[in-house]
Amino acid sequence: MTTNQPRHKDCKKCLIESNKDIDCWNPDRMLDTLMHTTQTVEQDWTAKGLPKLVDDVVVSYEEFGGMVHLEGRDLPSKKIVIEVLEDLFTVLFPGYLGDLELTKASVKYHLSIKLTSIYARLTDEVEKSLKYICRKISQCPHDLCQKRAHVVAWELLEKLPEIRAKLNGDVQAAYSGDPAAISTDEVILSYPCILAIATYRIAHELYLSGVPLIPRIMSEHMHSLTGIDIHPGAKIGRNFFIDHGTGVVIGETAEIGDNVKLYQGVTLGALSFPKDEKGNIIKGRKRHPTIGNNVVIYSGATLLGAETVVGDNVVIGGNVWLTGPVAQGTKITLAAPEQKYRMEIRQTEKSP
């Protein structure tokens, strides 16, 4: 049966398109299916049918090899990487994040234990990540990745005081830039941008050290939690604040100066992707905007491409679309929309 009306009155999205039925579930149909289904699982399926399923799945491994990494060789554990990230939060925000109940008398003891554990686990995961790259070199020394992993983990931990100093500026920027913020305690405990920026500042150091996989695991994990997508390759200055945060995207080669404030839905993205003679995207080029100091970008603004260079002391209004340079001290807004009002005039019928 075909019709131009929805199949079920309580399912507005269920339409018939080009004589093709679009399945649509509603409570009546669900109940009907439940009460009248006649399908049953084959008797002894686990003994008879399951072996065939196993064979079919293995065949799919061979057919779609890009989705297979048997034995877990040379891949970091996503679970452990996230646990390390959360433990680093404990060190960066003691008493706020994590499970450590610190006092002045016990802080050194607990920090020593926590940092030792982070160092050991991070070294192991970095080593596996480096081997992921190094295995492509047939003459790679067997201990090269291990030695480099120790250095990378050590360098990151040595930078924790510097990272904390930057995060302190980010917290203060959030508190000063949001009239709804009651205290810096509230900012640290509840603002998603703090977790997103903290993750970025950790992942960025690993990115600069040439570690594959782990920086993206960290940043995409936080993206899934906060809705804020900051590539670890971006360069972000001090006192950075993302108000609300949901839907913000900051690309790999984006550069952001000091004292910058973004609102929700802002995109610092790529305008186009140049390709080589084979049609493959050319990677490793500057393709995202550069933002100066003391810039405010309001919600929904989209800035695309490497040619988009925004000067200092610029204000960019909501929903603005930019693909070119902006001089310092400029204020850019959309033209005010035309407002139209429709007056409904009702005529009363006269009695005969």
C-alpha atoms as a PDB file:
ATOM      1  CA  MET A   1       0.000   0.000   0.000  1.00  0.00           C
ATOM      2  CA  THR A   2       1.295   3.420  -0.859  1.00  0.00           C
ATOM      3  CA  THR A   3       0.130   6.747   0.402  1.00  0.00           C
ATOM      4  CA  ASN A   4       1.423  10.255   0.857  1.00  0.00           C
ATOM      5  CA  GLN A   5       0.431  10.246   4.521  1.00  0.00           C
ATOM      6  CA  PRO A   6       2.410   8.920   7.488  1.00  0.00           C
ATOM      7  CA  ARG A   7       1.739   5.245   8.120  1.00  0.00           C
ATOM      8  CA  HIS A   8       1.073   5.843  11.809  1.00  0.00           C
ATOM      9  CA  LYS A   9      -0.551   8.921  13.155  1.00  0.00           C
ATOM     10  CA  ASP A  10       1.891   9.099  16.069  1.00  0.00           C
ATOM     11  CA  CYS A  11       5.001   8.827  13.893  1.00  0.00           C
ATOM     12  CA  LYS A  12       5.436  12.025  11.897  1.00  0.00           C
ATOM     13  CA  LYS A  13       8.688  10.906  10.274  1.00  0.00           C
ATOM     14  CA  CYS A  14       7.252   7.722   8.827  1.00  0.00           C
ATOM     15  CA  LEU A  15       6.619   8.522   5.158  1.00  0.00           C
ATOM     16  CA  ILE A  16       6.274   6.565   1.975  1.00  0.00           C
ATOM     17  CA  GLU A  17       8.949   7.457  -0.539  1.00  0.00           C
ATOM     18  CA  SER A  18       8.861   6.383  -4.184  1.00  0.00           C
ATOM     19  CA  ASN A  19       6.688   3.336  -3.456  1.00  0.00           C
ATOM     20  CA  LYS A  20       9.192   2.071  -0.857  1.00  0.00           C
ATOM     21  CA  ASP A  21       7.882   1.350   2.612  1.00  0.00           C
ATOM     22  CA  ILE A  22       9.907   2.918   5.390  1.00  0.00           C
ATOM     23  CA  ASP A  23       9.712   0.836   8.555  1.00  0.00           C
ATOM     24  CA  CYS A  24       8.263   2.724  11.448  1.00  0.00           C
ATOM     25  CA  TRP A  25       7.768   1.398  14.953  1.00  0.00           C
ATOM     26  CA  ASN A  26       4.992   2.510  17.228  1.00  0.00           C
ATOM     27  CA  PRO A  27       3.695   0.938  20.457  1.00  0.00           C
ATOM     28  CA  ASP A  28       0.873  -0.970  18.697  1.00  0.00           C
ATOM     29  CA  ARG A  29       3.214  -2.486  16.147  1.00  0.00           C
ATOM     30  CA  MET A  30       5.797  -3.365  18.792  1.00  0.00           C
ATOM     31  CA  LEU A  31       3.160  -5.168  20.851  1.00  0.00           C
ATOM     32  CA  ASP A  32       1.812  -6.966  17.789  1.00  0.00           C
ATOM     33  CA  THR A  33       5.300  -8.192  16.877  1.00  0.00           C
ATOM     34  CA  LEU A  34       5.947  -9.321  20.437  1.00  0.00           C
ATOM     35  CA  MET A  35       2.684 -11.262  20.709  1.00  0.00           C
ATOM     36  CA  HIS A  36       2.684 -12.898  17.285  1.00  0.00           C
ATOM     37  CA  THR A  37       6.319 -13.647  16.530  1.00  0.00           C
ATOM     38  CA  THR A  38       6.916 -17.287  15.594  1.00  0.00           C
ATOM     39  CA  GLN A  39      10.674 -17.260  15.214  1.00  0.00           C
ATOM     40  CA  THR A  40      12.713 -19.449  17.519  1.00  0.00           C
ATOM     41  CA  VAL A  41      16.433 -20.030  17.930  1.00  0.00           C
ATOM     42  CA  GLU A  42      17.677 -23.236  16.332  1.00  0.00           C
ATOM     43  CA  GLN A  43      17.969 -26.028  18.861  1.00  0.00           C
ATOM     44  CA  ASP A  44      21.571 -26.473  20.058  1.00  0.00           C
ATOM     45  CA  TRP A  45      22.577 -23.366  18.079  1.00  0.00           C
ATOM     46  CA  THR A  46      25.598 -22.780  20.312  1.00  0.00           C
ATOM     47  CA  ALA A  47      26.871 -26.231  19.426  1.00  0.00           C
ATOM     48  CA  LYS A  48      25.888 -26.326  15.740  1.00  0.00           C
ATOM     49  CA  GLY A  49      25.376 -22.799  14.421  1.00  0.00           C
ATOM     50  CA  LEU A  50      27.949 -20.914  16.468  1.00  0.00           C
ATOM     51  CA  PRO A  51      31.009 -22.591  14.878  1.00  0.00           C
ATOM     52  CA  LYS A  52      29.806 -21.492  11.435  1.00  0.00           C
ATOM     53  CA  LEU A  53      29.303 -17.941  12.728  1.00  0.00           C
ATOM     54  CA  VAL A  54      32.859 -17.960  14.076  1.00  0.00           C
ATOM     55  CA  ASP A  55      34.142 -19.025  10.655  1.00  0.00           C
ATOM     56  CA  ASP A  56      32.115 -16.273   8.963  1.00  0.00           C
ATOM     57  CA  VAL A  57      33.448 -13.603  11.329  1.00  0.00           C
ATOM     58  CA  VAL A  58      37.034 -14.759  10.729  1.00  0.00           C
ATOM     59  CA  VAL A  59      36.426 -14.529   6.978  1.00  0.00           C
ATOM     60  CA  SER A  60      35.244 -10.935   7.505  1.00  0.00           C
ATOM     61  CA  TYR A  61      38.558 -10.263   9.303  1.00  0.00           C
ATOM     62  CA  GLU A  62      40.369 -11.242   6.133  1.00  0.00           C
ATOM     63  CA  GLU A  63      37.984  -9.308   3.916  1.00  0.00           C
ATOM     64  CA  PHE A  64      38.104  -6.097   5.945  1.00  0.00           C
ATOM     65  CA  GLY A  65      41.696  -6.209   7.162  1.00  0.00           C
ATOM     66  CA  GLY A  66      41.815  -2.529   8.039  1.00  0.00           C
ATOM     67  CA  MET A  67      39.583  -3.227  11.036  1.00  0.00           C
ATOM     68  CA  VAL A  68      41.734  -6.040  12.445  1.00  0.00           C
ATOM     69  CA  HIS A  69      44.727  -5.838  14.749  1.00  0.00           C
ATOM     70  CA  LEU A  70      45.138  -9.301  16.222  1.00  0.00           C
ATOM     71  CA  GLU A  71      47.392  -9.943  19.219  1.00  0.00           C
ATOM     72  CA  GLY A  72      47.220  -6.249  20.141  1.00  0.00           C
ATOM     73  CA  ARG A  73      50.781  -5.740  18.926  1.00  0.00           C
ATOM     74  CA  ASP A  74      52.095  -2.175  18.921  1.00  0.00           C
ATOM     75  CA  LEU A  75      48.819  -0.570  19.985  1.00  0.00           C
ATOM     76  CA  PRO A  76      48.351   1.365  23.218  1.00  0.00           C
ATOM     77  CA  SER A  77      45.519   0.440  25.558  1.00  0.00           C
ATOM     78  CA  LYS A  78      42.761   3.032  25.290  1.00  0.00           C
ATOM     79  CA  LYS A  79      41.587   2.104  28.779  1.00  0.00           C
ATOM     80  CA  ILE A  80      45.011   2.645  30.345  1.00  0.00           C
ATOM     81  CA  VAL A  81      45.603   5.898  28.434  1.00  0.00           C
ATOM     82  CA  ILE A  82      42.330   7.302  29.803  1.00  0.00           C
ATOM     83  CA  GLU A  83      43.221   6.144  33.310  1.00  0.00           C
ATOM     84  CA  VAL A  84      46.583   7.904  33.039  1.00  0.00           C
ATOM     85  CA  LEU A  85      44.820  11.062  31.841  1.00  0.00           C
ATOM     86  CA  GLU A  86      42.460  10.977  34.826  1.00  0.00           C
ATOM     87  CA  ASP A  87      45.386  10.464  37.202  1.00  0.00           C
ATOM     88  CA  LEU A  88      47.118  13.465  35.652  1.00  0.00           C
ATOM     89  CA  PHE A  89      43.973  15.484  36.442  1.00  0.00           C
ATOM     90  CA  THR A  90      44.450  14.457  40.065  1.00  0.00           C
ATOM     91  CA  VAL A  91      47.950  15.925  40.001  1.00  0.00           C
ATOM     92  CA  LEU A  92      46.939  19.068  38.115  1.00  0.00           C
ATOM     93  CA  PHE A  93      43.865  19.796  40.259  1.00  0.00           C
ATOM     94  CA  PRO A  94      44.627  18.260  43.674  1.00  0.00           C
ATOM     95  CA  GLY A  95      41.616  18.105  45.939  1.00  0.00           C
ATOM     96  CA  TYR A  96      39.235  18.832  43.039  1.00  0.00           C
ATOM     97  CA  LEU A  97      39.559  15.923  40.630  1.00  0.00           C
ATOM     98  CA  GLY A  98      40.491  12.350  41.392  1.00  0.00           C
ATOM     99  CA  ASP A  99      40.371  10.248  44.515  1.00  0.00           C
ATOM    100  CA  LEU A 100      43.309  11.641  46.493  1.00  0.00           C
ATOM    101  CA  GLU A 101      42.483  13.148  49.882  1.00  0.00           C
ATOM    102  CA  LEU A 102      45.530  15.337  50.265  1.00  0.00           C
ATOM    103  CA  THR A 103      46.795  17.293  53.259  1.00  0.00           C
ATOM    104  CA  LYS A 104      49.892  19.432  53.533  1.00  0.00           C
ATOM    105  CA  ALA A 105      51.472  16.669  55.588  1.00  0.00           C
ATOM    106  CA  SER A 106      50.744  13.881  53.086  1.00  0.00           C
ATOM    107  CA  VAL A 107      50.907  15.662  49.730  1.00  0.00           C
ATOM    108  CA  LYS A 108      54.511  14.748  48.910  1.00  0.00           C
ATOM    109  CA  TYR A 109      54.007  11.109  49.806  1.00  0.00           C
ATOM    110  CA  HIS A 110      50.858  10.721  47.712  1.00  0.00           C
ATOM    111  CA  LEU A 111      52.275  12.704  44.790  1.00  0.00           C
ATOM    112  CA  SER A 112      55.371  10.508  44.737  1.00  0.00           C
ATOM    113  CA  ILE A 113      53.278   7.355  44.529  1.00  0.00           C
ATOM    114  CA  LYS A 114      50.901   8.790  41.929  1.00  0.00           C
ATOM    115  CA  LEU A 115      53.631  10.185  39.676  1.00  0.00           C
ATOM    116  CA  THR A 116      55.637   6.955  39.863  1.00  0.00           C
ATOM    117  CA  SER A 117      52.593   5.008  38.719  1.00  0.00           C
ATOM    118  CA  ILE A 118      51.837   7.497  35.928  1.00  0.00           C
ATOM    119  CA  TYR A 119      55.434   7.392  34.738  1.00  0.00           C
ATOM    120  CA  ALA A 120      55.501   3.579  34.522  1.00  0.00           C
ATOM    121  CA  ARG A 121      52.145   3.200  32.759  1.00  0.00           C
ATOM    122  CA  LEU A 122      52.662   6.117  30.397  1.00  0.00           C
ATOM    123  CA  THR A 123      56.092   4.800  29.425  1.00  0.00           C
ATOM    124  CA  ASP A 124      54.600   1.422  28.519  1.00  0.00           C
ATOM    125  CA  GLU A 125      51.822   2.945  26.405  1.00  0.00           C
ATOM    126  CA  VAL A 126      54.155   5.395  24.657  1.00  0.00           C
ATOM    127  CA  GLU A 127      56.545   2.545  23.857  1.00  0.00           C
ATOM    128  CA  LYS A 128      53.736   0.577  22.195  1.00  0.00           C
ATOM    129  CA  SER A 129      52.689   3.672  20.258  1.00  0.00           C
ATOM    130  CA  LEU A 130      56.215   4.300  19.027  1.00  0.00           C
ATOM    131  CA  LYS A 131      56.572   0.661  17.980  1.00  0.00           C
ATOM    132  CA  TYR A 132      53.412   1.132  15.925  1.00  0.00           C
ATOM    133  CA  ILE A 133      55.509   3.501  13.764  1.00  0.00           C
ATOM    134  CA  CYS A 134      58.889   1.891  14.238  1.00  0.00           C
ATOM    135  CA  ARG A 135      57.803  -1.564  13.049  1.00  0.00           C
ATOM    136  CA  LYS A 136      57.717  -0.134   9.521  1.00  0.00           C
ATOM    137  CA  ILE A 137      61.520   0.171   9.695  1.00  0.00           C
ATOM    138  CA  SER A 138      63.139  -3.243   9.302  1.00  0.00           C
ATOM    139  CA  GLN A 139      66.400  -2.180  10.956  1.00  0.00           C
ATOM    140  CA  CYS A 140      64.869  -0.482  13.995  1.00  0.00           C
ATOM    141  CA  PRO A 141      66.941  -1.313  17.147  1.00  0.00           C
ATOM    142  CA  HIS A 142      64.936  -3.397  19.594  1.00  0.00           C
ATOM    143  CA  ASP A 143      65.352  -0.967  22.516  1.00  0.00           C
ATOM    144  CA  LEU A 144      65.011   2.321  20.612  1.00  0.00           C
ATOM    145  CA  CYS A 145      61.283   2.789  21.322  1.00  0.00           C
ATOM    146  CA  GLN A 146      61.701   1.840  24.961  1.00  0.00           C
ATOM    147  CA  LYS A 147      64.418   4.427  25.531  1.00  0.00           C
ATOM    148  CA  ARG A 148      62.449   7.137  23.735  1.00  0.00           C
ATOM    149  CA  ALA A 149      59.295   6.259  25.696  1.00  0.00           C
ATOM    150  CA  HIS A 150      61.116   6.855  28.983  1.00  0.00           C
ATOM    151  CA  VAL A 151      62.254  10.257  27.742  1.00  0.00           C
ATOM    152  CA  VAL A 152      58.778  11.260  26.526  1.00  0.00           C
ATOM    153  CA  ALA A 153      57.102  10.296  29.813  1.00  0.00           C
ATOM    154  CA  TRP A 154      59.810  12.051  31.816  1.00  0.00           C
ATOM    155  CA  GLU A 155      59.560  15.229  29.721  1.00  0.00           C
ATOM    156  CA  LEU A 156      55.779  15.378  30.127  1.00  0.00           C
ATOM    157  CA  LEU A 157      55.938  14.971  33.903  1.00  0.00           C
ATOM    158  CA  GLU A 158      58.680  17.593  34.140  1.00  0.00           C
ATOM    159  CA  LYS A 159      56.338  20.046  32.390  1.00  0.00           C
ATOM    160  CA  LEU A 160      53.467  19.577  34.833  1.00  0.00           C
ATOM    161  CA  PRO A 161      54.311  22.746  36.838  1.00  0.00           C
ATOM    162  CA  GLU A 162      54.291  24.765  33.579  1.00  0.00           C
ATOM    163  CA  ILE A 163      51.013  23.154  32.500  1.00  0.00           C
ATOM    164  CA  ARG A 164      49.489  23.981  35.895  1.00  0.00           C
ATOM    165  CA  ALA A 165      50.522  27.611  35.490  1.00  0.00           C
ATOM    166  CA  LYS A 166      48.747  27.782  32.119  1.00  0.00           C
ATOM    167  CA  LEU A 167      45.659  26.064  33.502  1.00  0.00           C
ATOM    168  CA  ASN A 168      45.543  28.538  36.354  1.00  0.00           C
ATOM    169  CA  GLY A 169      45.270  31.300  33.749  1.00  0.00           C
ATOM    170  CA  ASP A 170      42.547  29.363  31.929  1.00  0.00           C
ATOM    171  CA  VAL A 171      40.551  28.972  35.147  1.00  0.00           C
ATOM    172  CA  GLN A 172      40.905  32.671  35.944  1.00  0.00           C
ATOM    173  CA  ALA A 173      39.835  33.568  32.396  1.00  0.00           C
ATOM    174  CA  ALA A 174      36.688  31.462  32.816  1.00  0.00           C
ATOM    175  CA  TYR A 175      35.889  33.022  36.184  1.00  0.00           C
ATOM    176  CA  SER A 176      36.524  36.578  34.964  1.00  0.00           C
ATOM    177  CA  GLY A 177      34.817  36.073  31.621  1.00  0.00           C
ATOM    178  CA  ASP A 178      31.580  34.510  32.841  1.00  0.00           C
ATOM    179  CA  PRO A 179      29.287  36.610  35.050  1.00  0.00           C
ATOM    180  CA  ALA A 180      27.497  33.395  36.053  1.00  0.00           C
ATOM    181  CA  ALA A 181      30.657  31.950  37.633  1.00  0.00           C
ATOM    182  CA  ILE A 182      30.435  32.180  41.420  1.00  0.00           C
ATOM    183  CA  SER A 183      33.976  31.029  42.172  1.00  0.00           C
ATOM    184  CA  THR A 184      37.026  29.399  40.650  1.00  0.00           C
ATOM    185  CA  ASP A 185      36.062  26.278  42.623  1.00  0.00           C
ATOM    186  CA  GLU A 186      32.842  26.102  40.630  1.00  0.00           C
ATOM    187  CA  VAL A 187      34.763  26.605  37.391  1.00  0.00           C
ATOM    188  CA  ILE A 188      37.170  23.728  38.094  1.00  0.00           C
ATOM    189  CA  LEU A 189      34.501  21.348  39.334  1.00  0.00           C
ATOM    190  CA  SER A 190      31.794  21.959  36.761  1.00  0.00           C
ATOM    191  CA  TYR A 191      32.954  23.737  33.597  1.00  0.00           C
ATOM    192  CA  PRO A 192      33.543  21.303  30.698  1.00  0.00           C
ATOM    193  CA  CYS A 193      36.020  23.664  29.071  1.00  0.00           C
ATOM    194  CA  ILE A 194      38.481  23.157  31.937  1.00  0.00           C
ATOM    195  CA  LEU A 195      38.648  19.407  31.352  1.00  0.00           C
ATOM    196  CA  ALA A 196      38.866  19.921  27.585  1.00  0.00           C
ATOM    197  CA  ILE A 197      41.642  22.509  27.828  1.00  0.00           C
ATOM    198  CA  ALA A 198      43.545  20.489  30.455  1.00  0.00           C
ATOM    199  CA  THR A 199      43.389  17.449  28.185  1.00  0.00           C
ATOM    200  CA  TYR A 200      44.574  19.558  25.254  1.00  0.00           C
ATOM    201  CA  ARG A 201      47.558  20.914  27.201  1.00  0.00           C
ATOM    202  CA  ILE A 202      48.626  17.379  28.137  1.00  0.00           C
ATOM    203  CA  ALA A 203      47.995  15.869  24.706  1.00  0.00           C
ATOM    204  CA  HIS A 204      49.727  18.797  22.987  1.00  0.00           C
ATOM    205  CA  GLU A 205      53.009  18.015  24.746  1.00  0.00           C
ATOM    206  CA  LEU A 206      52.811  14.381  23.609  1.00  0.00           C
ATOM    207  CA  TYR A 207      51.952  15.566  20.097  1.00  0.00           C
ATOM    208  CA  LEU A 208      55.046  17.802  20.054  1.00  0.00           C
ATOM    209  CA  SER A 209      57.122  14.790  21.142  1.00  0.00           C
ATOM    210  CA  GLY A 210      56.022  12.869  18.061  1.00  0.00           C
ATOM    211  CA  VAL A 211      53.920  10.284  19.894  1.00  0.00           C
ATOM    212  CA  PRO A 212      51.274   8.710  17.638  1.00  0.00           C
ATOM    213  CA  LEU A 213      47.792   7.599  18.703  1.00  0.00           C
ATOM    214  CA  ILE A 214      47.854   8.591  22.399  1.00  0.00           C
ATOM    215  CA  PRO A 215      47.248  12.351  21.955  1.00  0.00           C
ATOM    216  CA  ARG A 216      44.177  11.638  19.799  1.00  0.00           C
ATOM    217  CA  ILE A 217      42.889   8.985  22.200  1.00  0.00           C
ATOM    218  CA  MET A 218      43.005  11.600  24.958  1.00  0.00           C
ATOM    219  CA  SER A 219      41.483  14.452  22.965  1.00  0.00           C
ATOM    220  CA  GLU A 220      38.704  12.383  21.381  1.00  0.00           C
ATOM    221  CA  HIS A 221      37.829  10.842  24.737  1.00  0.00           C
ATOM    222  CA  MET A 222      37.344  14.331  26.144  1.00  0.00           C
ATOM    223  CA  HIS A 223      35.494  15.366  22.979  1.00  0.00           C
ATOM    224  CA  SER A 224      32.978  12.592  23.657  1.00  0.00           C
ATOM    225  CA  LEU A 225      32.515  13.805  27.243  1.00  0.00           C
ATOM    226  CA  THR A 226      32.326  17.563  26.718  1.00  0.00           C
ATOM    227  CA  GLY A 227      31.348  18.135  23.085  1.00  0.00           C
ATOM    228  CA  ILE A 228      34.515  20.238  22.699  1.00  0.00           C
ATOM    229  CA  ASP A 229      36.838  19.050  19.923  1.00  0.00           C
ATOM    230  CA  ILE A 230      40.396  20.393  20.250  1.00  0.00           C
ATOM    231  CA  HIS A 231      43.029  18.714  18.111  1.00  0.00           C
ATOM    232  CA  PRO A 232      46.251  18.210  20.119  1.00  0.00           C
ATOM    233  CA  GLY A 233      48.253  19.776  17.301  1.00  0.00           C
ATOM    234  CA  ALA A 234      46.632  23.208  17.671  1.00  0.00           C
ATOM    235  CA  LYS A 235      48.653  26.027  19.225  1.00  0.00           C
ATOM    236  CA  ILE A 236      46.765  27.799  22.015  1.00  0.00           C
ATOM    237  CA  GLY A 237      48.075  30.648  24.144  1.00  0.00           C
ATOM    238  CA  ARG A 238      47.403  31.596  27.747  1.00  0.00           C
ATOM    239  CA  ASN A 239      44.151  32.549  29.470  1.00  0.00           C
ATOM    240  CA  PHE A 240      41.935  30.612  27.084  1.00  0.00           C
ATOM    241  CA  PHE A 241      38.201  30.320  27.783  1.00  0.00           C
ATOM    242  CA  ILE A 242      35.435  28.442  25.977  1.00  0.00           C
ATOM    243  CA  ASP A 243      32.044  29.544  27.297  1.00  0.00           C
ATOM    244  CA  HIS A 244      29.439  26.747  27.316  1.00  0.00           C
ATOM    245  CA  GLY A 245      31.589  24.845  24.867  1.00  0.00           C
ATOM    246  CA  THR A 246      29.253  22.442  23.100  1.00  0.00           C
ATOM    247  CA  GLY A 247      30.084  22.082  19.418  1.00  0.00           C
ATOM    248  CA  VAL A 248      33.392  23.977  19.429  1.00  0.00           C
ATOM    249  CA  VAL A 249      35.882  22.605  16.870  1.00  0.00           C
ATOM    250  CA  ILE A 250      39.561  23.628  16.767  1.00  0.00           C
ATOM    251  CA  GLY A 251      41.579  22.033  13.965  1.00  0.00           C
ATOM    252  CA  GLU A 252      45.096  20.644  13.998  1.00  0.00           C
ATOM    253  CA  THR A 253      46.914  23.635  12.498  1.00  0.00           C
ATOM    254  CA  ALA A 254      44.822  26.337  14.162  1.00  0.00           C
ATOM    255  CA  GLU A 255      46.756  28.959  16.134  1.00  0.00           C
ATOM    256  CA  ILE A 256      45.193  30.943  18.977  1.00  0.00           C
ATOM    257  CA  GLY A 257      46.836  33.800  20.853  1.00  0.00           C
ATOM    258  CA  ASP A 258      46.498  34.911  24.481  1.00  0.00           C
ATOM    259  CA  ASN A 259      43.276  36.042  26.169  1.00  0.00           C
ATOM    260  CA  VAL A 260      40.926  34.517  23.604  1.00  0.00           C
ATOM    261  CA  LYS A 261      37.310  33.679  24.365  1.00  0.00           C
ATOM    262  CA  LEU A 262      35.143  31.382  22.250  1.00  0.00           C
ATOM    263  CA  TYR A 263      31.463  30.641  22.631  1.00  0.00           C
ATOM    264  CA  GLN A 264      29.582  27.453  21.788  1.00  0.00           C
ATOM    265  CA  GLY A 265      29.436  26.250  18.217  1.00  0.00           C
ATOM    266  CA  VAL A 266      32.549  28.086  17.003  1.00  0.00           C
ATOM    267  CA  THR A 267      34.485  26.285  14.273  1.00  0.00           C
ATOM    268  CA  LEU A 268      38.126  26.928  13.393  1.00  0.00           C
ATOM    269  CA  GLY A 269      38.240  24.537  10.468  1.00  0.00           C
ATOM    270  CA  ALA A 270      39.756  23.814   7.081  1.00  0.00           C
ATOM    271  CA  LEU A 271      38.355  25.433   3.959  1.00  0.00           C
ATOM    272  CA  SER A 272      39.461  22.799   1.478  1.00  0.00           C
ATOM    273  CA  PHE A 273      41.768  19.823   1.205  1.00  0.00           C
ATOM    274  CA  PRO A 274      44.353  20.007  -1.603  1.00  0.00           C
ATOM    275  CA  LYS A 275      45.015  16.669  -3.317  1.00  0.00           C
ATOM    276  CA  ASP A 276      48.009  15.167  -5.099  1.00  0.00           C
ATOM    277  CA  GLU A 277      48.059  13.820  -8.642  1.00  0.00           C
ATOM    278  CA  LYS A 278      46.548  10.535  -7.423  1.00  0.00           C
ATOM    279  CA  GLY A 279      43.634  12.262  -5.762  1.00  0.00           C
ATOM    280  CA  ASN A 280      44.852  11.683  -2.204  1.00  0.00           C
ATOM    281  CA  ILE A 281      44.551  14.483   0.360  1.00  0.00           C
ATOM    282  CA  ILE A 282      47.896  16.209   0.969  1.00  0.00           C
ATOM    283  CA  LYS A 283      48.553  16.225   4.694  1.00  0.00           C
ATOM    284  CA  GLY A 284      50.934  18.186   6.878  1.00  0.00           C
ATOM    285  CA  ARG A 285      50.074  21.684   5.583  1.00  0.00           C
ATOM    286  CA  LYS A 286      48.702  24.708   7.396  1.00  0.00           C
ATOM    287  CA  ARG A 287      44.964  24.616   6.737  1.00  0.00           C
ATOM    288  CA  HIS A 288      43.269  26.229   9.743  1.00  0.00           C
ATOM    289  CA  PRO A 289      42.824  29.851  10.907  1.00  0.00           C
ATOM    290  CA  THR A 290      45.172  31.937  13.020  1.00  0.00           C
ATOM    291  CA  ILE A 291      43.618  33.985  15.837  1.00  0.00           C
ATOM    292  CA  GLY A 292      45.409  36.928  17.468  1.00  0.00           C
ATOM    293  CA  ASN A 293      45.388  38.124  21.079  1.00  0.00           C
ATOM    294  CA  ASN A 294      42.382  39.501  22.957  1.00  0.00           C
ATOM    295  CA  VAL A 295      39.830  38.118  20.509  1.00  0.00           C
ATOM    296  CA  VAL A 296      36.194  37.212  21.217  1.00  0.00           C
ATOM    297  CA  ILE A 297      34.310  34.916  18.848  1.00  0.00           C
ATOM    298  CA  TYR A 298      30.599  34.502  19.516  1.00  0.00           C
ATOM    299  CA  SER A 299      28.418  31.429  19.100  1.00  0.00           C
ATOM    300  CA  GLY A 300      28.049  29.721  15.766  1.00  0.00           C
ATOM    301  CA  ALA A 301      30.825  31.620  14.006  1.00  0.00           C
ATOM    302  CA  THR A 302      32.706  29.642  11.349  1.00  0.00           C
ATOM    303  CA  LEU A 303      36.271  30.541  10.415  1.00  0.00           C
ATOM    304  CA  LEU A 304      37.846  28.426   7.714  1.00  0.00           C
ATOM    305  CA  GLY A 305      41.208  28.066   6.024  1.00  0.00           C
ATOM    306  CA  ALA A 306      44.805  29.129   6.516  1.00  0.00           C
ATOM    307  CA  GLU A 307      44.130  32.474   4.838  1.00  0.00           C
ATOM    308  CA  THR A 308      41.842  33.432   7.719  1.00  0.00           C
ATOM    309  CA  VAL A 309      44.200  35.421   9.932  1.00  0.00           C
ATOM    310  CA  VAL A 310      42.429  37.393  12.656  1.00  0.00           C
ATOM    311  CA  GLY A 311      44.314  40.315  14.175  1.00  0.00           C
ATOM    312  CA  ASP A 312      44.461  41.379  17.821  1.00  0.00           C
ATOM    313  CA  ASN A 313      41.502  42.949  19.647  1.00  0.00           C
ATOM    314  CA  VAL A 314      38.877  41.641  17.215  1.00  0.00           C
ATOM    315  CA  VAL A 315      35.255  40.817  18.006  1.00  0.00           C
ATOM    316  CA  ILE A 316      33.465  38.371  15.690  1.00  0.00           C
ATOM    317  CA  GLY A 317      29.707  38.142  16.065  1.00  0.00           C
ATOM    318  CA  GLY A 318      27.523  35.057  16.136  1.00  0.00           C
ATOM    319  CA  ASN A 319      26.976  33.002  12.962  1.00  0.00           C
ATOM    320  CA  VAL A 320      29.558  34.973  10.977  1.00  0.00           C
ATOM    321  CA  TRP A 321      31.268  33.038   8.149  1.00  0.00           C
ATOM    322  CA  LEU A 322      34.882  34.031   7.402  1.00  0.00           C
ATOM    323  CA  THR A 323      37.395  32.725   4.889  1.00  0.00           C
ATOM    324  CA  GLY A 324      39.785  35.672   4.749  1.00  0.00           C
ATOM    325  CA  PRO A 325      41.906  37.966   6.943  1.00  0.00           C
ATOM    326  CA  VAL A 326      40.490  40.339   9.557  1.00  0.00           C
ATOM    327  CA  ALA A 327      42.401  43.493  10.531  1.00  0.00           C
ATOM    328  CA  GLN A 328      43.160  44.162  14.172  1.00  0.00           C
ATOM    329  CA  GLY A 329      40.609  46.132  16.131  1.00  0.00           C
ATOM    330  CA  THR A 330      37.784  45.093  13.821  1.00  0.00           C
ATOM    331  CA  LYS A 331      34.256  44.208  14.918  1.00  0.00           C
ATOM    332  CA  ILE A 332      32.373  41.929  12.537  1.00  0.00           C
ATOM    333  CA  THR A 333      28.676  41.189  12.834  1.00  0.00           C
ATOM    334  CA  LEU A 334      25.910  40.005  10.556  1.00  0.00           C
ATOM    335  CA  ALA A 335      23.438  42.531   9.276  1.00  0.00           C
ATOM    336  CA  ALA A 336      20.314  42.684  11.400  1.00  0.00           C
ATOM    337  CA  PRO A 337      17.668  40.340   9.971  1.00  0.00           C
ATOM    338  CA  GLU A 338      14.487  41.804   8.562  1.00  0.00           C
ATOM    339  CA  GLN A 339      11.588  41.196  10.897  1.00  0.00           C
ATOM    340  CA  LYS A 340       8.163  40.536   9.474  1.00  0.00           C
ATOM    341  CA  TYR A 341       4.979  40.400  11.472  1.00  0.00           C
ATOM    342  CA  ARG A 342       1.791  38.736  10.351  1.00  0.00           C
ATOM    343  CA  MET A 343      -1.397  40.136  11.806  1.00  0.00           C
ATOM    344  CA  GLU A 344      -4.265  37.703  11.954  1.00  0.00           C
ATOM    345  CA  ILE A 345      -7.615  39.393  11.393  1.00  0.00           C
ATOM    346  CA  ARG A 346     -10.572  37.346  12.393  1.00  0.00           C
ATOM    347  CA  GLN A 347     -13.990  38.296  11.061  1.00  0.00           C
ATOM    348  CA  THR A 348     -17.021  37.366  13.119  1.00  0.00           C
ATOM    349  CA  GLU A 349     -19.987  36.024  11.255  1.00  0.00           C
ATOM    350  CA  LYS A 350     -23.188  38.031  11.624  1.00  0.00           C
ATOM    351  CA  SER A 351     -26.269  36.219  12.771  1.00  0.00           C
ATOM    352  CA  PRO A 352     -28.996  35.995  10.091  1.00  0.00           C
END
